[in-house]
Amino acid sequence: MMTELALLPSRRTVRRWDLAAVTALAVFCVLGVLTARHVWQLAELDTGLLRAADALDDTARAIGLIDQVPVVGEGAGQLAGSVRDTAADIRGSVAGAREDLRALALVLAGAVVALPVVPLLLVYLPLRLARRRELRGLRRMLRGPADPMLVEHLARAALRRVPFRELRRVSPQPWLDADRGRCLPLAAAELCRLGVVPPPEWTVPDHLDG
């Protein structure tokens, strides 16, 4: 089944699909980088909170000075400690949020890039490898004398896969030619559709060559 699907598209169609796959991969990689960059920048928007924490530290130091004043400063030390704890909590929360946002940036980038990569790896790449393997084997079989069964197989495939307008240029009666064993031109047309150079002794229509 995989082999049959791999050989259905023509070489021209496969080239277009390859270009589309590379383009999609490049576009989604750029989108992934941009997404990660924007989310990563959000992790740097904590300057205001850090300044607030610094202000609380300054306040705690000021309150600590009051603690040294007799009578008036009673309880100021405890208040100063509470303010310092609040500043520390703010810094801890900011650091945690920053790490979470940076991790989210990486996850989102990976998810965006995976959108084209997963189908390419699971579907398109196996089909391309199957097609390459089959065409390599076909080229090996074409090195020797023409195998009548292979020629007829290719001719029958041409009747199903070569576009009608091109098929008419190969022969005015292609189905009759195949039934009567005149299969070389049809087989050559199928090879050209697949991007395989037919043997020199096979008849190749000029408009199908290459």
Protein backbone atom coordinates (compact mmCIF):
# COMPACT_ATOMS: atom_id res chain seq x y z
CA MET A 1 0.00 0.00 0.00
CA MET A 2 2.82 2.41 0.90
CA THR A 3 4.61 1.65 -2.36
CA GLU A 4 1.47 2.20 -4.42
CA LEU A 5 0.84 5.55 -2.76
CA ALA A 6 4.48 6.57 -3.14
CA LEU A 7 4.42 6.03 -6.91
CA LEU A 8 1.10 7.77 -7.59
CA PRO A 9 2.37 11.35 -7.88
CA SER A 10 4.55 12.40 -10.79
CA ARG A 11 8.06 13.73 -10.36
CA ARG A 12 6.77 17.25 -10.96
CA THR A 13 4.16 16.86 -8.25
CA VAL A 14 6.69 15.44 -5.79
CA ARG A 15 8.97 18.40 -6.39
CA ARG A 16 6.10 20.75 -5.62
CA TRP A 17 5.31 18.81 -2.46
CA ASP A 18 8.96 18.90 -1.42
CA LEU A 19 9.02 22.66 -1.90
CA ALA A 20 5.77 23.03 0.04
CA ALA A 21 7.12 20.85 2.86
CA VAL A 22 10.37 22.82 3.13
CA THR A 23 8.47 26.11 2.99
CA ALA A 24 6.01 25.01 5.67
CA LEU A 25 8.84 23.83 7.89
CA ALA A 26 10.72 27.12 7.47
CA VAL A 27 7.59 29.20 8.12
CA PHE A 28 6.67 27.30 11.28
CA CYS A 29 10.26 27.44 12.53
CA VAL A 30 10.17 31.23 12.17
CA LEU A 31 6.78 31.35 13.89
CA GLY A 32 8.12 29.17 16.69
CA VAL A 33 11.12 31.45 17.21
CA LEU A 34 8.93 34.58 17.18
CA THR A 35 6.47 33.01 19.63
CA ALA A 36 9.26 32.02 21.98
CA ARG A 37 10.82 35.46 21.71
CA HIS A 38 7.60 37.28 22.59
CA VAL A 39 6.83 35.03 25.56
CA TRP A 40 10.46 35.20 26.70
CA GLN A 41 10.26 38.98 26.67
CA LEU A 42 7.24 38.79 28.98
CA ALA A 43 9.56 37.23 31.54
CA GLU A 44 11.54 40.47 31.55
CA LEU A 45 8.51 42.63 32.38
CA ASP A 46 9.06 42.23 36.12
CA THR A 47 11.13 45.39 36.57
CA GLY A 48 8.30 47.19 38.36
CA LEU A 49 7.87 44.41 40.90
CA LEU A 50 11.60 44.22 41.54
CA ARG A 51 11.69 47.99 42.07
CA ALA A 52 8.82 47.64 44.52
CA ALA A 53 10.80 44.98 46.38
CA ASP A 54 13.81 47.30 46.51
CA ALA A 55 11.58 50.09 47.82
CA LEU A 56 10.30 47.78 50.55
CA ASP A 57 13.89 46.95 51.52
CA ASP A 58 14.65 50.67 51.80
CA THR A 59 11.53 51.09 53.90
CA ALA A 60 12.57 48.19 56.14
CA ARG A 61 15.98 49.80 56.68
CA ALA A 62 14.33 53.10 57.54
CA ILE A 63 11.99 51.39 59.99
CA GLY A 64 14.99 49.62 61.48
CA LEU A 65 16.54 52.97 62.31
CA ILE A 66 13.39 53.90 64.24
CA ASP A 67 13.81 50.71 66.27
CA GLN A 68 16.91 52.29 67.82
CA VAL A 69 14.88 55.17 69.29
CA PRO A 70 13.84 54.40 72.90
CA VAL A 71 10.10 54.01 73.54
CA VAL A 72 9.16 55.31 70.07
CA GLY A 73 10.94 52.48 68.34
CA GLU A 74 9.27 49.66 70.23
CA GLY A 75 7.93 47.10 67.74
CA ALA A 76 9.64 48.81 64.80
CA GLY A 77 12.12 45.96 64.43
CA GLN A 78 9.33 43.43 64.03
CA LEU A 79 7.64 45.63 61.43
CA ALA A 80 10.91 46.04 59.58
CA GLY A 81 11.32 42.26 59.50
CA SER A 82 7.81 41.85 58.09
CA VAL A 83 8.55 44.37 55.35
CA ARG A 84 11.81 42.59 54.46
CA ASP A 85 9.94 39.27 54.30
CA THR A 86 7.39 40.80 51.96
CA ALA A 87 10.18 42.07 49.68
CA ALA A 88 11.76 38.60 49.67
CA ASP A 89 8.43 37.00 48.82
CA ILE A 90 8.00 39.40 45.90
CA ARG A 91 11.47 38.55 44.57
CA GLY A 92 10.75 34.83 44.93
CA SER A 93 7.45 35.15 43.09
CA VAL A 94 9.10 37.17 40.32
CA ALA A 95 11.86 34.60 39.91
CA GLY A 96 9.32 31.74 39.79
CA ALA A 97 7.15 33.55 37.28
CA ARG A 98 10.20 34.31 35.13
CA GLU A 99 11.24 30.66 35.03
CA ASP A 100 7.68 29.57 34.26
CA LEU A 101 7.40 32.03 31.37
CA ARG A 102 10.74 30.99 29.93
CA ALA A 103 9.75 27.34 30.13
CA LEU A 104 6.42 28.21 28.50
CA ALA A 105 8.29 30.02 25.71
CA LEU A 106 10.30 26.88 24.93
CA VAL A 107 7.23 24.65 25.07
CA LEU A 108 5.26 26.92 22.75
CA ALA A 109 8.14 27.13 20.29
CA GLY A 110 8.42 23.34 20.24
CA ALA A 111 4.67 22.96 19.77
CA VAL A 112 4.58 25.40 16.85
CA VAL A 113 7.51 23.72 15.11
CA ALA A 114 5.98 20.29 15.72
CA LEU A 115 2.84 21.18 13.75
CA PRO A 116 4.51 20.52 10.36
CA VAL A 117 7.26 18.23 11.62
CA VAL A 118 4.98 15.50 12.97
CA PRO A 119 3.00 14.88 9.75
CA LEU A 120 6.19 15.20 7.71
CA LEU A 121 7.93 12.56 9.81
CA LEU A 122 4.97 10.22 10.17
CA VAL A 123 3.45 10.47 6.69
CA TYR A 124 5.45 12.34 4.09
CA LEU A 125 8.95 11.10 4.93
CA PRO A 126 7.97 7.38 4.82
CA LEU A 127 6.30 7.96 1.45
CA ARG A 128 9.36 9.73 0.07
CA LEU A 129 11.66 6.98 1.33
CA ALA A 130 9.39 4.31 -0.15
CA ARG A 131 9.35 6.14 -3.49
CA ARG A 132 13.13 6.51 -3.48
CA ARG A 133 13.57 2.82 -2.69
CA GLU A 134 11.17 1.74 -5.44
CA LEU A 135 12.70 4.02 -8.06
CA ARG A 136 16.18 2.82 -7.16
CA GLY A 137 15.04 -0.77 -7.66
CA LEU A 138 13.33 0.16 -10.92
CA ARG A 139 16.50 1.73 -12.29
CA ARG A 140 18.42 -1.45 -11.45
CA MET A 141 15.88 -3.56 -13.35
CA LEU A 142 16.19 -1.29 -16.38
CA ARG A 143 19.92 -1.87 -16.73
CA GLY A 144 19.51 -5.30 -18.29
CA PRO A 145 17.42 -6.46 -21.22
CA ALA A 146 13.82 -5.30 -21.22
CA ASP A 147 11.69 -7.58 -19.05
CA PRO A 148 8.36 -8.07 -20.89
CA MET A 149 6.46 -8.33 -17.62
CA LEU A 150 8.02 -5.11 -16.31
CA VAL A 151 7.28 -3.32 -19.59
CA GLU A 152 3.65 -4.40 -19.50
CA HIS A 153 3.36 -3.46 -15.83
CA LEU A 154 4.65 0.03 -16.56
CA ALA A 155 2.38 0.34 -19.59
CA ARG A 156 -0.69 -0.63 -17.56
CA ALA A 157 0.36 1.86 -14.90
CA ALA A 158 0.61 4.54 -17.58
CA LEU A 159 -2.99 3.90 -18.60
CA ARG A 160 -4.06 4.75 -15.04
CA ARG A 161 -1.60 7.48 -14.10
CA VAL A 162 -0.42 9.42 -17.15
CA PRO A 163 -2.72 12.41 -17.73
CA PHE A 164 -5.21 11.88 -20.55
CA ARG A 165 -3.90 14.65 -22.80
CA GLU A 166 -0.36 13.27 -22.56
CA LEU A 167 -1.60 9.73 -23.02
CA ARG A 168 -3.25 10.69 -26.31
CA ARG A 169 0.08 12.00 -27.57
CA VAL A 170 1.75 8.70 -26.80
CA SER A 171 -0.80 6.70 -28.78
CA PRO A 172 -4.24 7.35 -30.31
CA GLN A 173 -5.32 3.93 -29.01
CA PRO A 174 -3.28 3.30 -25.84
CA TRP A 175 -5.57 0.62 -24.37
CA LEU A 176 -5.59 -1.28 -27.64
CA ASP A 177 -1.81 -0.97 -27.89
CA ALA A 178 -1.42 -2.39 -24.40
CA ASP A 179 -3.74 -5.30 -25.22
CA ARG A 180 -1.76 -6.04 -28.40
CA GLY A 181 1.60 -5.94 -26.63
CA ARG A 182 2.82 -2.60 -28.00
CA CYS A 183 3.81 -1.45 -24.57
CA LEU A 184 7.22 0.22 -24.87
CA PRO A 185 5.97 3.79 -25.61
CA LEU A 186 3.45 3.58 -22.79
CA ALA A 187 6.04 2.16 -20.41
CA ALA A 188 8.45 4.93 -21.39
CA ALA A 189 5.75 7.52 -20.67
CA GLU A 190 5.24 6.07 -17.20
CA LEU A 191 8.99 6.12 -16.54
CA CYS A 192 9.15 9.77 -17.60
CA ARG A 193 6.23 10.57 -15.31
CA LEU A 194 8.17 9.06 -12.44
CA GLY A 195 11.34 10.93 -13.37
CA VAL A 196 13.22 7.81 -14.51
CA VAL A 197 15.15 7.96 -17.79
CA PRO A 198 13.94 5.13 -20.07
CA PRO A 199 16.48 2.91 -21.84
CA PRO A 200 17.65 4.39 -25.17
CA GLU A 201 15.89 1.76 -27.25
CA TRP A 202 12.48 2.62 -25.80
CA THR A 203 10.30 5.12 -27.62
CA VAL A 204 10.01 8.31 -25.64
CA PRO A 205 7.70 11.11 -26.71
CA ASP A 206 9.64 14.38 -26.85
CA HIS A 207 7.11 16.29 -24.72
CA LEU A 208 7.40 13.68 -21.94
CA ASP A 209 11.18 13.51 -21.86
CA GLY A 210 12.52 15.01 -18.60
